[in-house]
Amino acid sequence: MLLIAGINPVIAITDSIAGNILLFACSWLVINNMRYYLPKKEKYWYIIVVSFVLSLAWAILVQFMLKHIFQNNAAYIQLLKTTLLLRFAFGFLMMGCITLAGLIWYTQIDWLKTEARQQSIAELAKEAELSKLRQQLQPHFLFNSLNSISALTTVQPEKAREMIQQLSEFLRGTLRKEDQWNTLEEELSYIGLYLSIEQVRFGHRMLTNIQADSNALPLTLPSLLLQPLVENAIKFGLYDTIGEVTIGIQASNQNEQLVITVQNPYDASTAVTLPGTGFGLSAVKRRLWLLFGRNDLLTIENTDTEFITTLLIPQRKTPTTT
């Protein structure tokens, strides 16, 4: 534009360099300021005020510098005076765009940081709840086992001692295990210890039928997830009867998902809801929701003769710590 107006090329280039350098300095000032202060509710006023002040300061400073450098060129000095408003308008437009772009950029960064913090807090809360649920299961089971031992102490001390030994072996295997996911094979070994404890308690009345497909044994599930289901089956199956009862556990690999079914005899006419019944199932449901975000992984079906609990565990390449 200056060249078209007949201004000396040296003066025109100097004018362009000085104006652009100062405009870059103002832009850097805005962007750097937003690193430490990001307007929230007042952001629109912030854009207008900052753009106005900086563009006005830029236009005045550019004119002052160029007047001082080319003070002997009357035609150029006159051009500076007549183009001051135009320079200001150009600077206001540029500073407004730069300020808006910076505001959008740093707002996005701030939102991403906030989102990351919220996700981190949610993950910590989730891990804390999973840990709490898992820790609640062991005292719950331990309390029931100690009650059984107490009942056997006076009438059958030998069985009470046997039960204590079985309980000790079970707790040694589960409490010291750091990995919070087990293979089905490992989990069934712990279930075997648990059933041996209950076998001491119920004697010949309790029979078990465990069937697991060989291709399901390497599949994984959260530790101590199966034990509450088996405990629930024993409660519903043996507490309201005096005859022999078979607790069935079947496991299979269905499309790379672990499916476990726990069955026990059930008679709705004689079933009695006992204190504590259902805690394990609600804890299992909550753990599954926290791990997978699904409510359909635990299903319960009771017929006239059977109570059936089915557990579906999706497999992950990298198991999540519970």
Protein backbone atom coordinates (compact mmCIF):
# COMPACT_ATOMS: atom_id res chain seq x y z
CA MET A 1 0.00 0.00 0.00
CA LEU A 2 2.83 2.38 0.83
CA LEU A 3 4.58 1.59 -2.44
CA ILE A 4 1.40 2.37 -4.36
CA ALA A 5 1.21 5.69 -2.51
CA GLY A 6 4.65 6.54 -3.90
CA ILE A 7 6.62 6.08 -0.67
CA ASN A 8 10.30 5.19 -0.91
CA PRO A 9 10.76 1.36 -0.85
CA VAL A 10 13.23 1.60 2.05
CA ILE A 11 10.74 3.59 4.10
CA ALA A 12 7.92 1.17 3.16
CA ILE A 13 9.97 -1.88 4.17
CA THR A 14 11.04 -0.22 7.43
CA ASP A 15 7.41 0.69 8.16
CA SER A 16 6.33 -2.92 7.53
CA ILE A 17 9.10 -4.46 9.64
CA ALA A 18 8.56 -2.10 12.58
CA GLY A 19 4.80 -2.56 12.53
CA ASN A 20 4.97 -6.36 12.29
CA ILE A 21 7.63 -6.69 15.01
CA LEU A 22 5.59 -4.59 17.44
CA LEU A 23 2.42 -6.46 16.48
CA PHE A 24 4.20 -9.76 17.17
CA ALA A 25 5.36 -8.41 20.56
CA CYS A 26 1.78 -7.45 21.48
CA SER A 27 0.55 -10.88 20.37
CA TRP A 28 3.22 -12.62 22.45
CA LEU A 29 2.19 -10.50 25.43
CA VAL A 30 -1.45 -11.62 25.08
CA ILE A 31 -0.62 -15.30 24.59
CA ASN A 32 1.89 -15.35 27.46
CA ASN A 33 -0.59 -13.60 29.77
CA MET A 34 -3.21 -16.27 29.10
CA ARG A 35 -0.84 -18.94 30.39
CA TYR A 36 -1.28 -17.47 33.87
CA TYR A 37 -4.70 -15.85 33.66
CA LEU A 38 -7.54 -17.31 31.63
CA PRO A 39 -10.75 -15.24 31.75
CA LYS A 40 -13.96 -17.13 32.46
CA LYS A 41 -17.24 -15.23 32.62
CA GLU A 42 -15.67 -11.94 31.52
CA LYS A 43 -13.92 -13.41 28.48
CA TYR A 44 -15.86 -11.41 25.87
CA TRP A 45 -15.16 -8.11 27.58
CA TYR A 46 -11.58 -9.26 28.00
CA ILE A 47 -11.17 -9.74 24.24
CA ILE A 48 -12.59 -6.29 23.45
CA VAL A 49 -10.65 -4.41 26.12
CA VAL A 50 -7.31 -6.14 25.48
CA SER A 51 -7.65 -5.75 21.73
CA PHE A 52 -8.56 -2.07 22.03
CA VAL A 53 -5.78 -1.17 24.46
CA LEU A 54 -3.01 -3.09 22.69
CA SER A 55 -4.00 -2.01 19.19
CA LEU A 56 -4.16 1.63 20.29
CA ALA A 57 -0.77 1.33 22.00
CA TRP A 58 0.63 -0.43 18.93
CA ALA A 59 -0.61 2.24 16.51
CA ILE A 60 0.71 5.13 18.64
CA LEU A 61 4.06 3.45 19.27
CA VAL A 62 4.57 2.59 15.59
CA GLN A 63 3.74 6.17 14.58
CA PHE A 64 6.07 7.60 17.22
CA MET A 65 9.00 5.39 16.18
CA LEU A 66 8.58 6.00 12.47
CA LYS A 67 8.16 9.76 12.95
CA HIS A 68 11.41 9.80 14.88
CA ILE A 69 13.25 7.72 12.24
CA PHE A 70 11.93 9.59 9.18
CA GLN A 71 11.38 13.04 10.70
CA ASN A 72 12.82 14.77 7.63
CA ASN A 73 10.34 13.18 5.21
CA ALA A 74 7.33 15.52 5.39
CA ALA A 75 5.23 13.50 2.91
CA TYR A 76 5.65 10.30 4.90
CA ILE A 77 4.96 12.09 8.21
CA GLN A 78 1.73 13.42 6.75
CA LEU A 79 0.83 9.90 5.57
CA LEU A 80 1.39 8.55 9.07
CA LYS A 81 -1.04 11.06 10.51
CA THR A 82 -3.74 10.33 7.96
CA THR A 83 -3.39 6.53 8.32
CA LEU A 84 -3.37 6.43 12.13
CA LEU A 85 -7.05 5.49 12.36
CA LEU A 86 -6.61 2.87 9.63
CA ARG A 87 -3.62 1.39 11.46
CA PHE A 88 -5.61 1.30 14.67
CA ALA A 89 -8.52 -0.47 12.95
CA PHE A 90 -6.13 -3.02 11.40
CA GLY A 91 -4.39 -3.58 14.74
CA PHE A 92 -7.74 -3.93 16.55
CA LEU A 93 -8.87 -6.57 14.05
CA MET A 94 -5.59 -8.49 14.28
CA MET A 95 -5.37 -8.30 18.07
CA GLY A 96 -9.01 -9.36 18.38
CA CYS A 97 -8.39 -12.44 16.22
CA ILE A 98 -5.17 -13.31 18.06
CA THR A 99 -6.79 -12.83 21.49
CA LEU A 100 -9.80 -14.94 20.50
CA ALA A 101 -7.57 -17.67 19.10
CA GLY A 102 -5.44 -17.67 22.25
CA LEU A 103 -8.53 -17.74 24.44
CA ILE A 104 -9.96 -20.72 22.55
CA TRP A 105 -6.61 -22.55 22.65
CA TYR A 106 -6.00 -22.11 26.37
CA THR A 107 -9.65 -22.75 27.21
CA GLN A 108 -9.36 -26.07 25.40
CA ILE A 109 -6.15 -26.91 27.26
CA ASP A 110 -7.75 -25.94 30.56
CA TRP A 111 -10.81 -28.09 29.75
CA LEU A 112 -8.60 -31.06 28.89
CA LYS A 113 -6.69 -30.67 32.16
CA THR A 114 -9.93 -30.42 34.11
CA GLU A 115 -11.29 -33.47 32.32
CA ALA A 116 -8.08 -35.39 33.08
CA ARG A 117 -8.29 -34.42 36.76
CA GLN A 118 -11.93 -35.46 36.97
CA GLN A 119 -11.14 -38.75 35.26
CA SER A 120 -8.24 -39.33 37.65
CA ILE A 121 -10.48 -38.58 40.63
CA ALA A 122 -13.16 -40.91 39.23
CA GLU A 123 -10.57 -43.67 38.72
CA LEU A 124 -9.27 -43.23 42.28
CA ALA A 125 -12.81 -43.36 43.63
CA LYS A 126 -13.53 -46.45 41.54
CA GLU A 127 -10.37 -48.22 42.74
CA ALA A 128 -11.16 -47.27 46.34
CA GLU A 129 -14.69 -48.68 46.06
CA LEU A 130 -13.45 -51.86 44.37
CA SER A 131 -10.88 -52.30 47.12
CA LYS A 132 -13.53 -51.68 49.77
CA LEU A 133 -15.91 -54.20 48.20
CA ARG A 134 -13.18 -56.81 47.98
CA GLN A 135 -12.07 -56.21 51.56
CA GLN A 136 -15.66 -56.48 52.77
CA LEU A 137 -16.04 -59.95 51.27
CA GLN A 138 -13.24 -61.55 53.27
CA PRO A 139 -14.40 -60.35 56.73
CA HIS A 140 -17.94 -61.32 55.71
CA PHE A 141 -16.82 -64.85 54.85
CA LEU A 142 -14.48 -65.00 57.84
CA PHE A 143 -17.27 -64.00 60.21
CA ASN A 144 -19.49 -66.80 58.93
CA SER A 145 -16.66 -69.34 59.15
CA LEU A 146 -15.81 -68.35 62.72
CA ASN A 147 -19.46 -68.74 63.67
CA SER A 148 -19.37 -72.27 62.27
CA ILE A 149 -16.15 -73.05 64.14
CA SER A 150 -17.66 -71.69 67.35
CA ALA A 151 -20.70 -73.93 66.92
CA LEU A 152 -18.49 -77.01 66.41
CA THR A 153 -16.04 -76.28 69.22
CA THR A 154 -18.06 -77.84 72.02
CA VAL A 155 -19.91 -80.61 70.18
CA GLN A 156 -17.29 -81.69 67.62
CA PRO A 157 -13.89 -80.25 68.60
CA GLU A 158 -12.03 -82.44 66.08
CA LYS A 159 -14.07 -81.04 63.22
CA ALA A 160 -13.59 -77.54 64.60
CA ARG A 161 -9.80 -78.01 64.51
CA GLU A 162 -10.03 -79.39 60.96
CA MET A 163 -12.09 -76.40 59.92
CA ILE A 164 -9.56 -73.99 61.44
CA GLN A 165 -6.78 -75.64 59.44
CA GLN A 166 -8.79 -75.42 56.23
CA LEU A 167 -9.65 -71.78 56.96
CA SER A 168 -6.00 -70.98 57.60
CA GLU A 169 -4.97 -72.52 54.28
CA PHE A 170 -7.71 -70.64 52.43
CA LEU A 171 -6.80 -67.26 53.94
CA ARG A 172 -3.08 -67.86 53.37
CA GLY A 173 -3.74 -68.34 49.67
CA THR A 174 -6.13 -65.42 49.19
CA LEU A 175 -4.84 -62.71 51.52
CA ARG A 176 -1.22 -62.89 50.38
CA LYS A 177 -2.00 -62.86 46.69
CA GLU A 178 -1.04 -59.50 45.18
CA ASP A 179 -2.55 -60.04 41.72
CA GLN A 180 -6.21 -59.06 41.94
CA TRP A 181 -7.19 -61.12 38.90
CA ASN A 182 -7.10 -64.94 38.91
CA THR A 183 -7.35 -67.50 36.20
CA LEU A 184 -10.42 -69.71 36.50
CA GLU A 185 -8.12 -72.56 37.48
CA GLU A 186 -6.72 -70.55 40.41
CA GLU A 187 -10.16 -69.37 41.47
CA LEU A 188 -11.51 -72.91 41.44
CA SER A 189 -8.63 -74.03 43.65
CA TYR A 190 -9.66 -71.41 46.24
CA ILE A 191 -13.28 -72.47 45.86
CA GLY A 192 -12.14 -76.03 46.54
CA LEU A 193 -10.58 -74.86 49.83
CA TYR A 194 -13.72 -72.95 50.72
CA LEU A 195 -15.93 -75.96 49.98
CA SER A 196 -13.69 -78.17 52.09
CA ILE A 197 -14.33 -75.78 55.01
CA GLU A 198 -18.07 -75.97 54.45
CA GLN A 199 -17.79 -79.77 54.03
CA VAL A 200 -16.51 -80.01 57.59
CA ARG A 201 -19.51 -77.99 58.69
CA PHE A 202 -22.26 -79.81 56.78
CA GLY A 203 -20.68 -83.26 56.42
CA HIS A 204 -22.38 -85.73 54.09
CA ARG A 205 -25.30 -83.34 53.49
CA MET A 206 -23.27 -81.19 51.09
CA LEU A 207 -22.23 -82.62 47.74
CA THR A 208 -20.47 -80.68 44.98
CA ASN A 209 -20.33 -81.07 41.22
CA ILE A 210 -17.70 -78.87 39.57
CA GLN A 211 -17.30 -79.01 35.78
CA ALA A 212 -15.01 -76.67 33.87
CA ASP A 213 -14.07 -76.90 30.20
CA SER A 214 -10.33 -77.12 29.62
CA ASN A 215 -10.36 -74.07 27.33
CA ALA A 216 -12.03 -72.02 30.07
CA LEU A 217 -9.38 -72.64 32.75
CA PRO A 218 -6.88 -70.02 31.43
CA LEU A 219 -9.57 -67.30 31.30
CA THR A 220 -9.45 -64.70 34.04
CA LEU A 221 -11.86 -63.16 36.51
CA PRO A 222 -11.55 -60.79 39.50
CA SER A 223 -10.32 -62.62 42.57
CA LEU A 224 -12.91 -63.75 45.12
CA LEU A 225 -15.73 -62.96 42.68
CA LEU A 226 -16.97 -66.55 42.54
CA GLN A 227 -16.81 -67.29 46.28
CA PRO A 228 -19.84 -65.12 47.25
CA LEU A 229 -21.94 -66.88 44.62
CA VAL A 230 -21.01 -70.29 46.00
CA GLU A 231 -21.63 -69.08 49.55
CA ASN A 232 -25.04 -67.82 48.48
CA ALA A 233 -25.81 -71.19 46.87
CA ILE A 234 -24.93 -73.00 50.09
CA LYS A 235 -27.16 -70.70 52.11
CA PHE A 236 -30.15 -71.16 49.84
CA GLY A 237 -29.48 -74.84 49.31
CA LEU A 238 -28.61 -76.19 52.76
CA TYR A 239 -29.94 -73.82 55.41
CA ASP A 240 -33.58 -74.79 55.00
CA THR A 241 -33.20 -78.53 54.47
CA ILE A 242 -31.88 -81.57 56.29
CA GLY A 243 -31.31 -83.80 53.27
CA GLU A 244 -28.41 -84.10 50.84
CA VAL A 245 -27.86 -81.12 48.57
CA THR A 246 -25.67 -80.84 45.50
CA ILE A 247 -24.04 -77.52 44.67
CA GLY A 248 -23.20 -77.39 40.97
CA ILE A 249 -20.58 -75.16 39.34
CA GLN A 250 -20.14 -75.18 35.57
CA ALA A 251 -17.68 -73.01 33.62
CA SER A 252 -17.23 -72.66 29.88
CA ASN A 253 -15.54 -70.51 27.27
CA GLN A 254 -18.19 -68.93 25.05
CA ASN A 255 -16.78 -66.70 22.30
CA GLU A 256 -13.74 -65.87 24.45
CA GLN A 257 -15.95 -64.92 27.38
CA LEU A 258 -15.97 -66.80 30.66
CA VAL A 259 -19.42 -68.08 31.62
CA ILE A 260 -19.87 -69.57 35.09
CA THR A 261 -23.12 -71.06 36.37
CA VAL A 262 -23.74 -71.84 40.05
CA GLN A 263 -26.77 -74.03 40.82
CA ASN A 264 -28.39 -75.21 44.02
CA PRO A 265 -31.73 -76.83 44.92
CA TYR A 266 -34.40 -74.32 45.85
CA ASP A 267 -37.86 -74.66 47.30
CA ALA A 268 -39.72 -71.36 47.44
CA SER A 269 -42.25 -72.76 49.92
CA THR A 270 -39.60 -73.54 52.54
CA ALA A 271 -36.90 -70.99 51.71
CA VAL A 272 -36.10 -68.59 54.53
CA THR A 273 -34.22 -65.33 54.04
CA LEU A 274 -31.34 -65.34 56.50
CA PRO A 275 -29.43 -62.35 57.88
CA GLY A 276 -26.63 -61.42 55.50
CA THR A 277 -28.12 -63.26 52.53
CA GLY A 278 -27.73 -61.20 49.39
CA PHE A 279 -24.72 -59.11 50.48
CA GLY A 280 -22.39 -61.15 48.28
CA LEU A 281 -24.63 -60.84 45.21
CA SER A 282 -24.99 -57.06 45.55
CA ALA A 283 -21.22 -56.71 46.02
CA VAL A 284 -20.58 -58.85 42.91
CA LYS A 285 -23.01 -56.75 40.87
CA ARG A 286 -21.33 -53.55 42.02
CA ARG A 287 -17.84 -54.83 41.24
CA LEU A 288 -18.94 -55.90 37.76
CA TRP A 289 -20.46 -52.48 37.13
CA LEU A 290 -17.31 -50.68 38.25
CA LEU A 291 -15.08 -52.94 36.15
CA PHE A 292 -17.13 -53.21 32.97
CA GLY A 293 -19.89 -50.60 33.19
CA ARG A 294 -22.55 -53.25 32.55
CA ASN A 295 -25.53 -54.48 34.54
CA ASP A 296 -26.16 -57.64 32.53
CA LEU A 297 -23.15 -59.69 33.60
CA LEU A 298 -24.85 -61.33 36.60
CA THR A 299 -28.23 -62.97 36.10
CA ILE A 300 -30.35 -64.84 38.64
CA GLU A 301 -33.04 -67.37 37.85
CA ASN A 302 -35.08 -69.34 40.35
CA THR A 303 -37.42 -72.10 39.32
CA ASP A 304 -39.59 -74.31 41.48
CA THR A 305 -36.64 -76.60 42.15
CA GLU A 306 -33.42 -74.68 41.40
CA PHE A 307 -31.73 -71.37 42.10
CA ILE A 308 -29.33 -70.54 39.25
CA THR A 309 -26.78 -67.74 39.17
CA THR A 310 -24.94 -67.07 35.91
CA LEU A 311 -21.81 -64.96 35.73
CA LEU A 312 -20.43 -63.58 32.46
CA ILE A 313 -16.85 -62.21 32.47
CA PRO A 314 -15.61 -60.42 29.33
CA GLN A 315 -11.92 -61.02 28.78
CA ARG A 316 -9.39 -58.20 28.51
CA LYS A 317 -5.94 -58.27 27.01
CA THR A 318 -4.62 -56.33 30.00
CA PRO A 319 -6.59 -57.18 33.15
CA THR A 320 -7.59 -54.26 35.35
CA THR A 321 -6.48 -54.22 38.96
CA THR A 322 -9.35 -54.50 41.41
